[in-house]
Protein backbone atom coordinates (compact mmCIF):
# COMPACT_ATOMS: atom_id res chain seq x y z
CA MET A 1 0.00 0.00 0.00
CA GLY A 2 1.28 3.49 -0.78
CA MET A 3 0.34 7.00 -1.76
CA GLU A 4 1.44 9.37 -4.48
CA HIS A 5 2.55 12.99 -4.07
CA LEU A 6 4.11 15.73 -6.12
CA ASP A 7 7.59 16.93 -5.37
CA CYS A 8 8.87 20.48 -5.73
CA ASN A 9 9.53 19.92 -9.43
CA GLY A 10 6.05 18.68 -10.14
CA LEU A 11 7.22 15.10 -10.64
CA ARG A 12 5.06 12.27 -9.39
CA SER A 13 6.63 9.85 -6.97
CA ARG A 14 5.36 7.02 -4.80
CA THR A 15 6.12 6.42 -1.16
CA HIS A 16 5.48 2.92 0.13
CA LEU A 17 4.16 2.60 3.65
CA GLY A 18 5.49 -0.05 5.99
CA LEU A 19 8.62 -0.69 3.91
CA LYS A 20 12.16 0.30 4.79
CA GLN A 21 13.70 2.89 2.57
CA ILE A 22 16.55 1.64 0.40
CA LYS A 23 19.79 3.31 1.38
CA LEU A 24 22.01 4.28 -1.51
CA ARG A 25 25.73 3.53 -1.26
CA LYS A 26 27.90 6.58 -0.75
CA GLU A 27 31.44 7.12 -1.93
CA GLU A 28 32.73 6.87 1.64
CA GLU A 29 31.18 3.42 1.99
CA GLU A 30 32.77 2.31 -1.27
CA GLU A 31 36.15 3.40 0.02
CA GLU A 32 35.60 1.48 3.24
CA GLU A 33 34.81 -1.66 1.27
CA GLU A 34 38.19 -1.35 -0.45
CA THR A 35 39.99 -1.69 2.89
CA GLU A 36 41.09 -5.18 3.81
CA PRO A 37 42.60 -6.44 7.07
CA LEU A 38 46.12 -7.78 7.06
CA SER A 39 46.42 -11.54 7.22
CA PRO A 40 47.92 -13.13 10.37
CA MET A 41 51.11 -13.90 8.43
CA ALA A 42 51.41 -10.28 7.26
CA ARG A 43 50.93 -9.01 10.83
CA MET A 44 53.59 -11.44 12.04
CA PHE A 45 56.16 -9.79 9.76
CA HIS A 46 55.65 -6.54 11.67
CA GLU A 47 56.73 -8.10 14.97
CA PRO A 48 60.11 -6.80 16.21
CA GLN A 49 61.74 -10.24 15.91
CA SER A 50 60.27 -10.88 12.43
CA ASN A 51 60.49 -7.47 10.73
CA ILE A 52 61.80 -8.88 7.46
CA TYR A 53 62.37 -7.35 4.03
CA ILE A 54 62.86 -9.12 0.71
CA ILE A 55 65.81 -7.74 -1.26
CA ALA A 56 66.25 -8.79 -4.90
CA ILE A 57 69.14 -7.79 -7.15
CA MET A 58 68.55 -7.80 -10.92
CA GLY A 59 71.30 -7.26 -13.48
CA LEU A 60 70.40 -5.75 -16.87
CA LYS A 61 72.20 -5.74 -20.22
CA SER A 62 71.76 -1.99 -20.80
CA PRO A 63 71.64 1.19 -18.70
CA ILE A 64 68.33 2.14 -17.10
CA HIS A 65 66.57 5.38 -17.98
CA PRO A 66 64.99 6.58 -14.73
CA HIS A 67 62.13 8.56 -16.32
CA THR A 68 61.10 5.64 -18.55
CA PHE A 69 61.39 3.23 -15.62
CA LYS A 70 59.17 5.41 -13.41
CA ALA A 71 56.54 5.68 -16.14
CA ASN A 72 56.53 1.90 -16.61
CA CYS A 73 56.21 1.37 -12.84
CA LEU A 74 53.09 3.52 -12.81
CA GLN A 75 51.62 1.41 -15.59
CA THR A 76 52.54 -1.98 -14.14
CA VAL A 77 53.60 -2.63 -10.55
CA VAL A 78 51.67 0.28 -9.02
CA LYS A 79 48.43 -1.10 -10.43
CA HIS A 80 48.63 -3.94 -7.95
CA PRO A 81 46.63 -3.16 -4.77
CA ARG A 82 49.39 -4.28 -2.39
CA PHE A 83 51.90 -1.88 -3.99
CA SER A 84 49.50 1.08 -3.93
CA SER A 85 48.16 0.71 -0.38
CA VAL A 86 49.44 1.75 3.03
CA GLN A 87 49.10 -0.32 6.17
CA VAL A 88 47.07 1.57 8.74
CA ALA A 89 46.31 0.55 12.33
CA ASP A 90 42.57 0.91 12.96
CA GLY A 91 41.45 0.10 16.48
CA GLY A 92 44.20 -2.42 17.05
CA GLU A 93 43.70 -4.04 13.65
CA MET A 94 45.93 -3.28 10.67
CA LYS A 95 44.26 -2.76 7.30
CA TRP A 96 45.23 -2.10 3.70
CA VAL A 97 44.10 1.40 2.66
CA LYS A 98 44.36 2.63 -0.93
CA THR A 99 46.55 5.70 -1.36
CA LYS A 100 47.97 7.95 -4.04
CA ILE A 101 51.46 7.00 -5.17
CA ASP A 102 54.33 9.46 -5.42
CA ILE A 103 56.72 7.45 -7.57
CA ASP A 104 59.70 9.53 -6.46
CA ASN A 105 59.29 8.12 -2.94
CA HIS A 106 59.79 4.60 -4.29
CA VAL A 107 62.31 4.87 -7.15
CA LYS A 108 65.75 6.01 -5.99
CA VAL A 109 68.63 6.96 -8.28
CA PRO A 110 71.81 7.43 -6.21
CA MET A 111 74.84 9.19 -7.65
CA VAL A 112 77.54 6.66 -8.58
CA ASP A 113 81.02 6.88 -10.05
CA GLN A 114 80.68 5.21 -13.44
CA ASP A 115 84.44 5.34 -14.15
CA GLN A 116 85.49 2.87 -11.45
CA ASP A 117 86.67 -0.61 -12.41
CA MET A 118 84.49 -3.74 -12.25
CA VAL A 119 85.97 -5.02 -8.99
CA SER A 120 85.18 -1.75 -7.27
CA SER A 121 81.74 -1.75 -8.91
CA ASP A 122 80.91 -5.20 -7.56
CA LYS A 123 82.00 -4.15 -4.09
CA PHE A 124 79.97 -0.94 -4.37
CA VAL A 125 76.81 -2.93 -5.15
CA GLU A 126 77.45 -5.27 -2.20
CA ASP A 127 78.10 -2.33 0.14
CA TYR A 128 75.00 -0.54 -1.11
CA VAL A 129 72.77 -3.56 -0.52
CA ALA A 130 74.36 -4.15 2.89
CA ASN A 131 73.60 -0.57 3.93
CA LEU A 132 70.11 -0.89 2.49
CA SER A 133 69.42 -3.87 4.72
CA LYS A 134 70.09 -1.72 7.81
CA THR A 135 67.33 0.78 7.04
CA GLN A 136 63.54 0.49 6.98
CA ILE A 137 60.75 1.88 4.84
CA SER A 138 58.31 4.29 6.44
CA MET A 139 54.82 2.91 7.01
CA SER A 140 53.36 6.22 5.80
CA ILE A 141 53.87 5.02 2.22
CA PRO A 142 53.49 1.61 0.53
CA MET A 143 56.38 -0.46 1.88
CA TRP A 144 58.45 -1.04 -1.22
CA ASP A 145 61.15 0.74 -3.19
CA CYS A 146 63.68 0.10 -5.94
CA HIS A 147 67.13 1.56 -6.51
CA ILE A 148 68.69 2.17 -9.93
CA LEU A 149 72.46 1.69 -10.06
CA ASN A 150 73.70 2.62 -13.53
CA LEU A 151 77.06 1.06 -12.87
CA LYS A 152 78.84 -1.55 -14.97
CA THR A 153 79.72 -4.65 -12.96
CA SER A 154 81.33 -7.95 -13.85
CA ASP A 155 78.02 -9.46 -15.00
CA ALA A 156 75.73 -6.55 -15.92
CA GLU A 157 75.66 -3.09 -17.45
CA SER A 158 73.32 -1.80 -14.73
CA THR A 159 71.78 -3.10 -11.53
CA LEU A 160 68.27 -2.79 -10.15
CA VAL A 161 67.76 -3.44 -6.45
CA PHE A 162 64.22 -4.14 -5.19
CA ARG A 163 63.25 -3.97 -1.53
CA VAL A 164 59.82 -5.11 -0.40
CA HIS A 165 58.50 -5.62 3.12
CA HIS A 166 57.58 -9.25 3.68
CA SER A 167 54.05 -8.30 4.78
CA LEU A 168 53.24 -7.49 1.13
CA GLY A 169 53.96 -11.03 0.00
CA ASP A 170 56.53 -13.80 -0.29
CA GLY A 171 59.30 -14.32 -2.81
CA THR A 172 57.22 -16.41 -5.21
CA TYR A 173 54.49 -13.79 -5.36
CA PHE A 174 57.03 -11.02 -5.83
CA MET A 175 58.82 -12.84 -8.68
CA SER A 176 55.47 -13.59 -10.30
CA LEU A 177 54.62 -9.90 -10.23
CA LEU A 178 57.98 -8.89 -11.74
CA ILE A 179 57.88 -11.51 -14.49
CA SER A 180 54.27 -10.64 -15.32
CA CYS A 181 55.43 -7.11 -16.16
CA SER A 182 57.65 -8.43 -18.98
CA ASP A 183 56.58 -8.87 -22.59
CA THR A 184 56.38 -12.66 -22.50
CA LEU A 185 55.44 -15.02 -19.71
CA PRO A 186 57.43 -18.24 -19.19
CA SER A 187 55.66 -21.56 -19.37
CA PHE A 188 55.79 -24.17 -16.65
CA PRO A 189 55.90 -27.91 -17.35
CA VAL A 190 52.74 -29.78 -16.52
CA MET A 191 53.11 -33.02 -14.61
CA LYS A 192 51.63 -35.83 -16.66
CA LYS A 193 49.68 -38.47 -14.82
CA PRO A 194 50.92 -41.97 -15.61
CA ARG A 195 48.49 -44.30 -17.29
CA SER A 196 47.27 -46.82 -14.79
CA THR A 197 46.68 -50.43 -15.78
CA SER A 198 44.87 -53.09 -13.80
CA SER A 199 48.17 -54.51 -12.55
CA GLY A 200 49.61 -51.07 -11.82
CA ARG A 201 46.67 -49.81 -9.78
CA PHE A 202 47.47 -52.10 -6.89
CA SER A 203 51.08 -50.90 -6.91
CA ILE A 204 49.97 -47.25 -6.96
CA TRP A 205 47.61 -47.72 -4.03
CA PHE A 206 50.26 -49.67 -2.12
CA TRP A 207 52.85 -46.91 -2.49
CA ARG A 208 50.25 -44.28 -1.61
CA CYS A 209 49.38 -46.04 1.64
CA TRP A 210 53.03 -46.66 2.42
CA SER A 211 53.88 -43.00 1.71
CA LEU A 212 51.03 -41.88 3.96
CA LEU A 213 52.35 -44.01 6.82
CA LEU A 214 55.88 -42.70 6.31
CA LEU A 215 54.60 -39.13 6.14
CA THR A 216 52.73 -39.56 9.42
CA TRP A 217 55.74 -41.09 11.15
CA ASN A 218 58.20 -38.50 9.81
CA THR A 219 55.82 -35.67 10.82
CA LEU A 220 55.69 -36.94 14.39
CA VAL A 221 59.49 -37.26 14.52
CA ASP A 222 59.97 -33.76 13.08
CA MET A 223 57.51 -32.28 15.57
CA CYS A 224 59.46 -33.82 18.43
CA MET A 225 62.79 -32.66 16.99
CA CYS A 226 61.42 -29.15 16.43
CA ALA A 227 60.25 -28.93 20.04
CA ALA A 228 63.60 -30.28 21.25
CA THR A 229 65.46 -27.73 19.11
CA ILE A 230 63.45 -24.88 20.59
CA TYR A 231 63.97 -25.91 24.22
CA PHE A 232 67.34 -27.61 24.65
CA LEU A 233 68.98 -28.79 21.37
CA GLN A 234 70.71 -25.51 20.59
CA ASP A 235 72.92 -25.02 17.52
CA THR A 236 76.67 -25.23 17.98
CA VAL A 237 78.41 -21.91 18.51
CA THR A 238 80.27 -21.35 15.22
CA PRO A 239 81.39 -18.32 13.18
CA LEU A 240 78.05 -18.68 11.38
CA LYS A 241 76.00 -18.19 14.56
CA ALA A 242 74.90 -14.65 15.28
CA PRO A 243 76.60 -13.24 18.41
CA SER A 244 73.36 -11.67 19.54
CA GLY A 245 70.37 -13.64 20.74
CA SER A 246 68.21 -11.63 18.36
CA VAL A 247 68.83 -12.45 14.71
CA ALA A 248 66.74 -9.44 13.64
CA SER A 249 69.13 -6.99 15.36
CA THR A 250 72.25 -8.58 13.83
CA CYS A 251 73.83 -6.84 10.85
CA HIS A 252 73.77 -8.82 7.61
CA ARG A 253 75.79 -8.65 4.44
CA ILE A 254 74.64 -9.99 1.09
CA VAL A 255 77.44 -11.33 -1.14
CA ARG A 256 76.56 -12.11 -4.74
CA ARG A 257 77.75 -15.22 -6.53
CA THR A 258 76.79 -16.17 -10.08
CA LEU A 259 75.95 -19.80 -10.89
CA CYS A 260 75.21 -21.20 -14.32
CA LEU A 261 71.68 -22.61 -14.25
CA ASP A 262 72.52 -25.01 -17.11
CA ASP A 263 75.21 -26.61 -14.93
CA VAL A 264 72.75 -26.99 -12.08
CA LYS A 265 70.23 -28.61 -14.41
CA SER A 266 72.90 -30.97 -15.78
CA VAL A 267 73.65 -32.23 -12.28
CA LYS A 268 69.94 -32.48 -11.53
CA ASN A 269 69.23 -34.56 -14.63
CA ALA A 270 72.25 -36.81 -14.13
CA THR A 271 71.34 -37.62 -10.51
CA ASN A 272 67.54 -37.66 -10.86
CA THR A 273 67.11 -34.95 -8.24
CA THR A 274 65.64 -31.45 -8.17
CA VAL A 275 67.16 -27.99 -8.50
CA ASN A 276 66.47 -27.39 -4.80
CA ASP A 277 68.34 -30.60 -3.91
CA VAL A 278 71.38 -29.45 -5.91
CA MET A 279 71.36 -25.98 -4.33
CA LEU A 280 71.05 -27.47 -0.84
CA ALA A 281 74.03 -29.72 -1.57
CA VAL A 282 76.06 -26.76 -2.83
CA THR A 283 75.16 -24.83 0.32
CA GLN A 284 76.16 -27.71 2.58
CA ALA A 285 79.47 -28.13 0.79
CA GLY A 286 80.16 -24.38 0.84
CA LEU A 287 79.36 -24.00 4.53
CA SER A 288 81.49 -27.04 5.41
CA ARG A 289 84.52 -25.67 3.59
CA TYR A 290 83.97 -22.18 4.99
CA LEU A 291 83.89 -23.44 8.57
CA ASN A 292 86.90 -25.67 7.92
CA ARG A 293 88.87 -22.60 6.78
CA LYS A 294 87.76 -20.74 9.87
CA TYR A 295 88.93 -23.54 12.15
CA GLY A 296 92.24 -24.13 10.36
CA LYS A 297 94.12 -24.01 7.08
CA ALA A 298 94.35 -26.46 4.20
CA GLU A 299 97.50 -28.45 3.64
CA SER A 300 99.37 -27.89 0.40
CA HIS A 301 102.32 -29.23 -1.54
CA ASP A 302 105.64 -27.51 -1.44
CA ASN A 303 104.85 -25.91 -4.80
CA GLY A 304 101.70 -24.35 -3.35
CA GLU A 305 99.16 -26.60 -5.05
CA PRO A 306 96.46 -27.95 -2.79
CA ARG A 307 97.01 -31.57 -1.77
CA GLY A 308 93.78 -32.07 0.09
CA TRP A 309 91.72 -30.61 2.85
CA LYS A 310 92.68 -31.41 6.40
CA SER A 311 89.58 -31.59 8.53
CA ASN A 312 89.74 -28.97 11.25
CA LEU A 313 86.05 -29.26 12.07
CA PRO A 314 84.88 -30.23 15.57
CA SER A 315 83.60 -33.75 16.04
CA SER A 316 79.96 -32.74 15.69
CA ILE A 317 78.44 -29.46 14.57
CA ARG A 318 74.72 -28.88 14.88
CA LEU A 319 73.52 -26.32 12.33
CA THR A 320 69.82 -25.91 11.65
CA ALA A 321 68.28 -23.91 8.83
CA THR A 322 64.70 -22.88 8.10
CA LEU A 323 63.66 -23.50 4.50
CA PHE A 324 60.55 -21.69 3.29
CA ILE A 325 58.43 -23.48 0.70
CA ASN A 326 55.63 -22.34 -1.59
CA THR A 327 52.20 -23.73 -0.59
CA ARG A 328 50.22 -22.40 -3.55
CA SER A 329 47.97 -24.82 -5.36
CA SER A 330 49.26 -23.69 -8.75
CA PRO A 331 52.93 -22.90 -9.45
CA GLY A 332 52.11 -20.93 -12.60
CA ILE A 333 52.71 -17.23 -13.18
CA TYR A 334 49.69 -15.10 -13.98
CA ALA A 335 49.58 -11.99 -16.10
CA LEU A 336 49.27 -8.67 -14.28
CA GLU A 337 45.78 -8.13 -15.68
CA GLU A 338 44.68 -11.40 -14.11
CA MET A 339 46.33 -10.57 -10.79
CA VAL A 340 44.49 -7.25 -10.33
CA LYS A 341 41.14 -8.56 -11.60
CA LYS A 342 38.38 -8.67 -9.02
CA ASN A 343 37.58 -12.15 -7.68
CA SER A 344 40.70 -13.46 -9.39
CA LYS A 345 41.93 -16.96 -8.48
CA THR A 346 45.52 -15.79 -8.18
CA GLU A 347 46.92 -16.22 -4.68
CA TRP A 348 48.51 -13.05 -3.35
CA GLY A 349 50.43 -12.45 -0.19
CA ASN A 350 52.34 -14.98 1.88
CA LYS A 351 51.46 -18.56 0.99
CA ILE A 352 54.43 -20.22 2.61
CA GLY A 353 55.32 -23.04 4.95
CA TYR A 354 58.70 -23.90 6.37
CA VAL A 355 60.88 -26.94 6.89
CA VAL A 356 63.46 -27.26 9.66
CA PHE A 357 66.50 -28.61 7.80
CA PRO A 358 69.56 -29.95 9.68
CA PHE A 359 72.73 -29.22 7.72
CA LYS A 360 75.38 -31.92 7.83
CA ILE A 361 78.68 -30.11 8.26
CA ALA A 362 81.51 -32.40 7.17
CA LEU A 363 84.23 -32.70 4.54
CA LYS A 364 83.47 -35.34 1.92
CA ASP A 365 85.81 -36.71 -0.72
CA ASN A 366 83.01 -37.16 -3.24
CA PRO A 367 81.00 -33.94 -3.82
CA LEU A 368 77.97 -36.03 -4.86
CA ASP A 369 77.75 -37.29 -1.26
CA TYR A 370 76.46 -33.85 -0.30
CA LEU A 371 73.72 -34.25 -2.89
CA LYS A 372 72.79 -37.72 -1.64
CA ASP A 373 72.45 -36.42 1.91
CA ALA A 374 70.38 -33.42 0.85
CA LYS A 375 68.04 -35.53 -1.29
CA ALA A 376 67.57 -38.15 1.42
CA THR A 377 66.71 -35.52 4.02
CA MET A 378 64.29 -33.63 1.75
CA ASP A 379 62.59 -36.84 0.59
CA ARG A 380 61.99 -37.76 4.21
CA LYS A 381 60.61 -34.29 4.90
CA LYS A 382 58.25 -34.60 1.94
CA GLY A 383 57.23 -38.13 2.91
CA PHE A 384 58.60 -39.86 -0.21
CA SER A 385 59.19 -43.55 0.17
CA ARG A 386 61.36 -44.01 -2.86
CA SER A 387 63.50 -41.86 -5.13
């Protein structure tokens, strides 16, 4: 039931009785809907002991033009909500709030001496990144920046240094965003499911059940070892251990080393392992030799050629590392248009888990022994029953 009346303009309108008036959405309400609370993982990265930044160094084949780079940033990276929002505390809860970007606050072009030699240039980049790791980005702006170093080094004509607070996302998400800004997107191999026959189905189900039992057992063992590590199984005091009890307050230095990915893949294919297994083995071997040098010196022939490494390592060194892993359902890289689309299936932010990995510090005659140890440990962590 309702009645009609004339408004001041002589237009006829109808007012319904007994019905609630529909409230139109205002611009302020639309802006409020754009705010989004930080995830628990993002809030964790603001804790004093976990205030972590991601620093990526990218070498380019040509010098970088700052004005062109800034214009491209406004057309690509800044379009992403995480890179154009500030983190605001609202009643004890932190939220993402859209803001206007001043690109000069995020793209830095320091003055560098372009006439210095390559050795000095490499050291300059390392010193610059080391000093960058000691500073923080103000929370009054989106927490990311990049630094253009138009300086010729041993492996690049110019260097681009990205720094992103870990609350914006993890390394996989950040690399996906960077690669999506390029002209072409790389393709990822798709795992093909093996054709199952009547005789092979029993074998598949058997190995699945066996893997599930091993995964359950290994998970229980790792939980006990993790609890023991936290409470009483402390790492051995070595030159690698931070002198302070707080790792976050300890100064860090990033040293760059270039590895040929084709060589890594050759080792991976020859040993039926993964790239991560090979890199873990290289890390174990490198840390073992580094600590051995710290504890003593290598023997050599009279002519100065190395005869072999004398083990100066203590009888047992306990060294534990935390390996972060990607937990996304799809490892693919999406285009930027897909990432910023509303209700997109792309997974932003921090989608990570971690594995407590015990490094085996020892000198081995056969370098492949490091790879065997790394693969065996990672297979047990992943619950694999066979290689």
